[in-house]
N, C-alpha and C. Protein backbone atom coordinates (compact mmCIF):
# COMPACT_ATOMS: atom_id res chain seq x y z
N MET A 1 14.97 13.22 19.18
CA MET A 1 15.02 12.36 18.00
C MET A 1 16.08 12.90 17.05
N TRP A 2 16.87 11.98 16.53
CA TRP A 2 17.88 12.37 15.55
C TRP A 2 17.26 12.30 14.15
N ASN A 3 17.62 13.23 13.30
CA ASN A 3 17.14 13.28 11.91
C ASN A 3 15.61 13.22 11.82
N GLU A 4 14.94 14.01 12.64
CA GLU A 4 13.48 14.05 12.60
C GLU A 4 13.02 14.45 11.20
N PRO A 5 12.03 13.75 10.65
CA PRO A 5 11.58 14.08 9.29
C PRO A 5 11.00 15.50 9.22
N THR A 6 11.30 16.17 8.14
CA THR A 6 10.80 17.53 7.94
C THR A 6 9.31 17.49 7.59
N ARG A 7 8.66 18.62 7.72
CA ARG A 7 7.25 18.74 7.34
C ARG A 7 7.10 18.38 5.86
N GLU A 8 8.04 18.84 5.04
CA GLU A 8 8.00 18.54 3.60
C GLU A 8 8.05 17.03 3.35
N ARG A 9 8.90 16.35 4.09
CA ARG A 9 9.00 14.90 3.92
C ARG A 9 7.73 14.20 4.41
N LEU A 10 7.19 14.63 5.54
CA LEU A 10 5.96 14.04 6.06
C LEU A 10 4.79 14.25 5.10
N ASN A 11 4.78 15.39 4.42
CA ASN A 11 3.70 15.69 3.47
C ASN A 11 3.67 14.72 2.28
N LYS A 12 4.77 14.03 2.03
CA LYS A 12 4.83 13.07 0.92
C LYS A 12 4.24 11.70 1.30
N VAL A 13 4.02 11.49 2.60
CA VAL A 13 3.48 10.22 3.09
C VAL A 13 1.96 10.25 2.95
N PRO A 14 1.34 9.19 2.41
CA PRO A 14 -0.12 9.16 2.28
C PRO A 14 -0.81 9.34 3.64
N LEU A 15 -2.00 9.89 3.58
CA LEU A 15 -2.80 10.07 4.80
C LEU A 15 -3.31 8.73 5.32
N ILE A 16 -3.59 8.68 6.62
CA ILE A 16 -4.15 7.49 7.24
C ILE A 16 -5.38 7.03 6.45
N HIS A 17 -5.46 5.76 6.15
CA HIS A 17 -6.53 5.08 5.40
C HIS A 17 -6.51 5.39 3.90
N GLU A 18 -5.62 6.24 3.44
CA GLU A 18 -5.58 6.58 2.01
C GLU A 18 -5.19 5.39 1.15
N THR A 19 -4.41 4.47 1.70
CA THR A 19 -3.97 3.30 0.92
C THR A 19 -4.66 2.02 1.40
N GLU A 20 -5.81 2.18 2.01
CA GLU A 20 -6.52 1.05 2.61
C GLU A 20 -6.76 -0.10 1.63
N GLY A 21 -7.01 0.18 0.37
CA GLY A 21 -7.27 -0.87 -0.61
C GLY A 21 -6.02 -1.50 -1.19
N VAL A 22 -4.87 -1.02 -0.81
CA VAL A 22 -3.60 -1.53 -1.34
C VAL A 22 -3.17 -2.74 -0.51
N PRO A 23 -2.84 -3.87 -1.15
CA PRO A 23 -2.37 -5.04 -0.40
C PRO A 23 -1.13 -4.69 0.43
N LEU A 24 -0.97 -5.33 1.58
CA LEU A 24 0.15 -5.02 2.46
C LEU A 24 1.50 -5.10 1.75
N LYS A 25 1.68 -6.12 0.92
CA LYS A 25 2.95 -6.26 0.20
C LYS A 25 3.25 -5.04 -0.67
N GLU A 26 2.21 -4.39 -1.16
CA GLU A 26 2.37 -3.28 -2.10
C GLU A 26 2.37 -1.91 -1.42
N LYS A 27 2.13 -1.87 -0.11
CA LYS A 27 2.17 -0.59 0.61
C LYS A 27 3.55 0.02 0.43
N MET A 28 3.59 1.32 0.20
CA MET A 28 4.86 2.02 0.06
C MET A 28 5.34 2.47 1.43
N VAL A 29 6.58 2.13 1.76
CA VAL A 29 7.17 2.50 3.04
C VAL A 29 7.97 3.78 2.82
N HIS A 30 7.52 4.86 3.46
CA HIS A 30 8.09 6.18 3.24
C HIS A 30 9.16 6.57 4.25
N LEU A 31 9.04 6.06 5.47
CA LEU A 31 9.98 6.44 6.53
C LEU A 31 10.43 5.20 7.29
N HIS A 32 11.66 5.26 7.79
CA HIS A 32 12.18 4.18 8.63
C HIS A 32 12.79 4.80 9.88
N PHE A 33 12.17 4.53 11.03
CA PHE A 33 12.69 4.94 12.32
C PHE A 33 13.33 3.72 12.97
N PHE A 34 14.38 3.93 13.75
CA PHE A 34 15.05 2.79 14.37
C PHE A 34 15.82 3.20 15.61
N ILE A 35 16.02 2.23 16.48
CA ILE A 35 16.91 2.35 17.64
C ILE A 35 17.20 0.93 18.10
N GLY A 36 18.45 0.62 18.31
CA GLY A 36 18.81 -0.73 18.74
C GLY A 36 18.20 -1.77 17.82
N GLY A 37 17.51 -2.73 18.37
CA GLY A 37 16.87 -3.77 17.57
C GLY A 37 15.42 -3.48 17.25
N CYS A 38 15.05 -2.20 17.26
CA CYS A 38 13.65 -1.82 16.99
C CYS A 38 13.57 -1.03 15.69
N ASP A 39 12.56 -1.34 14.89
CA ASP A 39 12.34 -0.65 13.61
C ASP A 39 10.87 -0.32 13.46
N TRP A 40 10.60 0.89 12.96
CA TRP A 40 9.24 1.30 12.60
C TRP A 40 9.29 1.74 11.15
N TYR A 41 8.50 1.08 10.30
CA TYR A 41 8.43 1.38 8.88
C TYR A 41 7.09 2.05 8.62
N ILE A 42 7.10 3.30 8.21
CA ILE A 42 5.88 4.11 8.15
C ILE A 42 5.34 4.20 6.72
N CYS A 43 4.03 3.90 6.60
CA CYS A 43 3.34 3.92 5.30
C CYS A 43 2.31 5.03 5.20
N GLU A 44 1.75 5.46 6.34
CA GLU A 44 0.69 6.47 6.34
C GLU A 44 0.85 7.37 7.57
N THR A 45 0.31 8.58 7.48
CA THR A 45 0.36 9.52 8.61
C THR A 45 -0.88 10.42 8.59
N ASP A 46 -1.19 11.00 9.73
CA ASP A 46 -2.28 11.98 9.77
C ASP A 46 -1.74 13.40 9.68
N LEU A 47 -0.44 13.55 9.48
CA LEU A 47 0.28 14.82 9.36
C LEU A 47 0.35 15.60 10.67
N ARG A 48 -0.22 15.07 11.74
CA ARG A 48 -0.10 15.73 13.04
C ARG A 48 0.83 14.92 13.94
N ASP A 49 0.43 13.68 14.22
CA ASP A 49 1.21 12.86 15.15
C ASP A 49 1.10 11.37 14.87
N LEU A 50 -0.07 10.92 14.46
CA LEU A 50 -0.33 9.50 14.28
C LEU A 50 0.27 8.98 12.97
N MET A 51 0.88 7.80 13.06
CA MET A 51 1.45 7.16 11.87
C MET A 51 1.05 5.68 11.89
N TRP A 52 1.01 5.08 10.70
CA TRP A 52 0.66 3.67 10.57
C TRP A 52 1.73 2.98 9.73
N GLY A 53 2.10 1.78 10.18
CA GLY A 53 3.10 1.03 9.43
C GLY A 53 3.42 -0.27 10.13
N PHE A 54 4.63 -0.74 9.93
CA PHE A 54 5.06 -2.04 10.44
C PHE A 54 6.11 -1.83 11.52
N CYS A 55 5.99 -2.57 12.62
CA CYS A 55 6.89 -2.41 13.76
C CYS A 55 7.51 -3.74 14.15
N ILE A 56 8.83 -3.70 14.36
CA ILE A 56 9.56 -4.84 14.90
C ILE A 56 10.26 -4.34 16.16
N LEU A 57 9.93 -4.91 17.31
CA LEU A 57 10.55 -4.51 18.57
C LEU A 57 11.51 -5.58 19.05
N ASN A 58 12.70 -5.15 19.46
CA ASN A 58 13.71 -6.05 20.02
C ASN A 58 14.05 -7.23 19.10
N ASN A 59 14.06 -6.98 17.81
CA ASN A 59 14.37 -8.02 16.81
C ASN A 59 13.45 -9.23 16.92
N ASP A 60 12.24 -9.03 17.44
CA ASP A 60 11.28 -10.13 17.60
C ASP A 60 10.39 -10.19 16.35
N TYR A 61 10.84 -10.93 15.36
CA TYR A 61 10.13 -11.01 14.09
C TYR A 61 8.80 -11.75 14.21
N GLN A 62 8.69 -12.66 15.16
CA GLN A 62 7.44 -13.41 15.31
C GLN A 62 6.31 -12.55 15.86
N MET A 63 6.64 -11.53 16.64
CA MET A 63 5.62 -10.67 17.22
C MET A 63 5.50 -9.33 16.49
N ALA A 64 6.25 -9.14 15.42
CA ALA A 64 6.19 -7.90 14.64
C ALA A 64 4.79 -7.75 14.05
N GLU A 65 4.34 -6.49 13.90
CA GLU A 65 2.97 -6.30 13.44
C GLU A 65 2.76 -4.95 12.76
N TRP A 66 1.67 -4.89 11.99
CA TRP A 66 1.18 -3.66 11.40
C TRP A 66 0.35 -2.94 12.45
N GLY A 67 0.50 -1.63 12.54
CA GLY A 67 -0.29 -0.90 13.51
C GLY A 67 0.09 0.57 13.58
N TYR A 68 -0.38 1.21 14.62
CA TYR A 68 -0.21 2.65 14.78
C TYR A 68 0.88 2.98 15.80
N VAL A 69 1.55 4.07 15.57
CA VAL A 69 2.53 4.63 16.50
C VAL A 69 2.46 6.14 16.33
N SER A 70 2.79 6.87 17.36
CA SER A 70 2.78 8.33 17.22
C SER A 70 4.20 8.86 17.15
N LEU A 71 4.36 9.92 16.42
CA LEU A 71 5.65 10.58 16.30
C LEU A 71 6.12 11.04 17.68
N SER A 72 5.18 11.52 18.49
CA SER A 72 5.56 11.99 19.84
C SER A 72 6.07 10.83 20.70
N GLU A 73 5.50 9.63 20.55
CA GLU A 73 6.00 8.47 21.29
C GLU A 73 7.43 8.16 20.88
N LEU A 74 7.70 8.20 19.59
CA LEU A 74 9.05 7.92 19.12
C LEU A 74 10.03 8.99 19.60
N ARG A 75 9.59 10.24 19.61
CA ARG A 75 10.43 11.34 20.11
C ARG A 75 10.80 11.14 21.58
N ASP A 76 9.88 10.59 22.35
CA ASP A 76 10.08 10.45 23.79
C ASP A 76 10.98 9.28 24.19
N ILE A 77 11.28 8.39 23.28
CA ILE A 77 12.12 7.23 23.62
C ILE A 77 13.56 7.68 23.80
N LYS A 78 14.10 7.37 24.97
CA LYS A 78 15.51 7.66 25.26
C LYS A 78 16.07 6.48 26.05
N VAL A 79 17.19 5.97 25.60
CA VAL A 79 17.86 4.86 26.28
C VAL A 79 19.04 5.44 27.05
N ASN A 80 19.13 5.13 28.31
CA ASN A 80 20.19 5.66 29.18
C ASN A 80 20.22 7.18 29.17
N GLY A 81 19.10 7.81 28.89
CA GLY A 81 19.00 9.26 28.96
C GLY A 81 19.57 10.02 27.78
N TRP A 82 20.17 9.34 26.80
CA TRP A 82 20.77 10.08 25.69
C TRP A 82 20.54 9.45 24.32
N LEU A 83 20.45 8.14 24.22
CA LEU A 83 20.29 7.48 22.93
C LEU A 83 18.84 7.60 22.48
N GLU A 84 18.63 8.20 21.31
CA GLU A 84 17.29 8.49 20.83
C GLU A 84 17.00 7.76 19.52
N VAL A 85 15.72 7.66 19.21
CA VAL A 85 15.28 7.09 17.95
C VAL A 85 15.83 7.94 16.81
N ASP A 86 16.20 7.29 15.73
CA ASP A 86 16.71 7.99 14.54
C ASP A 86 15.75 7.71 13.38
N CYS A 87 15.74 8.60 12.42
CA CYS A 87 14.98 8.40 11.18
C CYS A 87 15.98 8.44 10.04
N GLU A 88 15.98 7.40 9.22
CA GLU A 88 16.91 7.40 8.09
C GLU A 88 16.64 8.59 7.19
N ILE A 89 17.71 9.26 6.79
CA ILE A 89 17.57 10.43 5.93
C ILE A 89 17.19 10.00 4.52
N GLU A 90 16.63 10.94 3.76
CA GLU A 90 16.14 10.61 2.41
C GLU A 90 17.23 10.09 1.49
N ASP A 91 18.47 10.57 1.68
CA ASP A 91 19.57 10.10 0.83
C ASP A 91 19.85 8.62 1.04
N VAL A 92 19.51 8.11 2.22
CA VAL A 92 19.76 6.71 2.55
C VAL A 92 18.50 5.86 2.34
N TRP A 93 17.38 6.33 2.90
CA TRP A 93 16.13 5.57 2.79
C TRP A 93 15.38 5.96 1.53
N LYS A 94 15.20 5.03 0.64
CA LYS A 94 14.43 5.25 -0.58
C LYS A 94 13.05 4.61 -0.40
N VAL A 95 12.01 5.34 -0.75
CA VAL A 95 10.65 4.82 -0.65
C VAL A 95 10.57 3.54 -1.47
N ARG A 96 10.00 2.49 -0.86
CA ARG A 96 9.90 1.20 -1.54
C ARG A 96 8.70 0.43 -1.02
N ARG A 97 8.30 -0.59 -1.74
CA ARG A 97 7.18 -1.44 -1.33
C ARG A 97 7.57 -2.23 -0.08
N ALA A 98 6.58 -2.55 0.74
CA ALA A 98 6.84 -3.32 1.96
C ALA A 98 7.52 -4.64 1.64
N VAL A 99 7.12 -5.29 0.57
CA VAL A 99 7.71 -6.58 0.20
C VAL A 99 9.19 -6.44 -0.18
N ASP A 100 9.64 -5.24 -0.46
CA ASP A 100 11.03 -5.00 -0.81
C ASP A 100 11.89 -4.60 0.39
N VAL A 101 11.29 -4.54 1.57
CA VAL A 101 12.03 -4.27 2.81
C VAL A 101 12.33 -5.62 3.45
N ASP A 102 13.60 -5.99 3.51
CA ASP A 102 13.99 -7.32 3.97
C ASP A 102 13.36 -7.71 5.30
N LYS A 103 13.45 -6.85 6.29
CA LYS A 103 12.94 -7.20 7.62
C LYS A 103 11.43 -7.43 7.62
N ILE A 104 10.69 -6.62 6.88
CA ILE A 104 9.24 -6.82 6.80
C ILE A 104 8.93 -8.13 6.08
N ARG A 105 9.61 -8.36 4.97
CA ARG A 105 9.37 -9.57 4.18
C ARG A 105 9.62 -10.82 5.02
N ILE A 106 10.70 -10.83 5.77
CA ILE A 106 11.02 -11.99 6.60
C ILE A 106 10.00 -12.15 7.72
N ALA A 107 9.69 -11.06 8.42
CA ALA A 107 8.74 -11.13 9.54
C ALA A 107 7.36 -11.59 9.08
N GLN A 108 6.95 -11.18 7.88
CA GLN A 108 5.64 -11.54 7.37
C GLN A 108 5.63 -12.92 6.72
N GLY A 109 6.79 -13.52 6.53
CA GLY A 109 6.87 -14.84 5.91
C GLY A 109 6.62 -14.79 4.41
N TRP A 110 6.84 -13.62 3.81
CA TRP A 110 6.61 -13.47 2.37
C TRP A 110 7.71 -14.10 1.54
N ASN A 111 8.81 -14.44 2.16
CA ASN A 111 9.92 -15.05 1.45
C ASN A 111 10.31 -16.30 2.21
N LYS A 112 9.72 -17.39 1.88
CA LYS A 112 9.92 -18.63 2.62
C LYS A 112 11.33 -19.20 2.47
N GLU A 113 12.07 -18.76 1.45
CA GLU A 113 13.41 -19.31 1.25
C GLU A 113 14.37 -18.88 2.36
N GLU A 114 14.10 -17.73 2.99
CA GLU A 114 14.97 -17.24 4.04
C GLU A 114 14.26 -17.39 5.38
N SER A 115 15.00 -17.65 6.40
CA SER A 115 14.43 -17.71 7.74
C SER A 115 14.89 -16.49 8.52
N VAL A 116 14.33 -16.30 9.68
CA VAL A 116 14.77 -15.20 10.54
C VAL A 116 16.25 -15.38 10.86
N SER A 117 16.68 -16.61 11.09
CA SER A 117 18.09 -16.86 11.39
C SER A 117 18.99 -16.42 10.25
N ASP A 118 18.55 -16.65 9.00
CA ASP A 118 19.33 -16.21 7.85
C ASP A 118 19.47 -14.70 7.84
N LEU A 119 18.37 -14.00 8.13
CA LEU A 119 18.41 -12.54 8.14
C LEU A 119 19.32 -12.04 9.25
N VAL A 120 19.21 -12.62 10.44
CA VAL A 120 20.06 -12.20 11.56
C VAL A 120 21.51 -12.43 11.21
N ARG A 121 21.80 -13.57 10.62
CA ARG A 121 23.17 -13.88 10.24
C ARG A 121 23.70 -12.85 9.24
N ASP A 122 22.85 -12.40 8.32
CA ASP A 122 23.26 -11.39 7.34
C ASP A 122 23.43 -10.02 7.97
N LEU A 123 22.60 -9.70 8.96
CA LEU A 123 22.62 -8.37 9.57
C LEU A 123 23.64 -8.23 10.68
N ILE A 124 24.00 -9.35 11.34
CA ILE A 124 24.94 -9.30 12.46
C ILE A 124 26.18 -10.11 12.09
N PRO A 125 27.25 -9.42 11.67
CA PRO A 125 28.46 -10.15 11.30
C PRO A 125 28.94 -11.02 12.47
N GLY A 126 29.30 -12.23 12.16
CA GLY A 126 29.81 -13.13 13.18
C GLY A 126 28.76 -14.01 13.82
N ALA A 127 27.49 -13.74 13.56
CA ALA A 127 26.44 -14.58 14.14
C ALA A 127 26.35 -15.87 13.35
N VAL A 128 26.32 -16.98 14.04
CA VAL A 128 26.20 -18.28 13.38
C VAL A 128 25.10 -19.07 14.06
N GLN A 129 24.53 -20.00 13.34
CA GLN A 129 23.46 -20.81 13.90
C GLN A 129 24.03 -22.15 14.35
N ASN A 130 23.74 -22.52 15.59
CA ASN A 130 24.16 -23.81 16.13
C ASN A 130 23.15 -24.87 15.70
N PRO A 131 23.53 -26.14 15.79
CA PRO A 131 22.59 -27.20 15.42
C PRO A 131 21.29 -27.16 16.22
N ASP A 132 21.32 -26.64 17.45
CA ASP A 132 20.10 -26.59 18.25
C ASP A 132 19.25 -25.36 17.92
N GLN A 133 19.55 -24.69 16.81
CA GLN A 133 18.76 -23.57 16.28
C GLN A 133 18.91 -22.27 17.07
N THR A 134 19.91 -22.15 17.95
CA THR A 134 20.14 -20.88 18.63
C THR A 134 21.27 -20.16 17.94
N LEU A 135 21.29 -18.86 18.07
CA LEU A 135 22.34 -18.06 17.46
C LEU A 135 23.40 -17.73 18.49
N SER A 136 24.66 -17.73 18.06
CA SER A 136 25.75 -17.34 18.95
C SER A 136 26.80 -16.62 18.12
N MET A 137 27.78 -16.05 18.80
CA MET A 137 28.85 -15.34 18.10
C MET A 137 30.02 -16.29 17.91
N ARG A 138 30.67 -16.19 16.77
CA ARG A 138 31.85 -17.00 16.51
C ARG A 138 32.97 -16.58 17.46
N GLU A 139 33.76 -17.54 17.87
CA GLU A 139 34.89 -17.25 18.75
C GLU A 139 35.98 -16.48 18.01
N ASP A 140 36.11 -16.69 16.71
CA ASP A 140 37.20 -16.11 15.95
C ASP A 140 36.85 -14.78 15.29
N ARG A 141 35.79 -14.14 15.71
CA ARG A 141 35.38 -12.90 15.05
C ARG A 141 36.39 -11.79 15.31
N THR A 142 36.50 -10.89 14.38
CA THR A 142 37.40 -9.75 14.52
C THR A 142 36.60 -8.47 14.57
N CYS A 143 37.17 -7.47 15.19
CA CYS A 143 36.47 -6.19 15.32
C CYS A 143 36.91 -5.24 14.24
């Protein structure tokens, strides 16, 4: 795993069930793990291995969900034997409410003004939506 969170950083994350009474929109997201089109936003941990938060796999916003993942599972993910899960460093990732994380907000439908296609278009330069509602790359895109 690249940029594995330090013990000090993990200690700042609430314990599992500690924020149980907090509405999902108001949950504080302390860590962001990612690889390719997969994101794990962590809100709680048991300080050993288990973490709880929001997961989006393969950019599938319709099937994204709140649930558990283990740090060891994330450590074990390797694509083509070398590409590993990364954790955004503290200088980049600022703790924020779940409703303030664009991908979570879109996947949960908390912001009806934007669609998943709008988010993809914003996140992937050159992606455009065709009239039949599929996404494709513009022919004139530059690298």
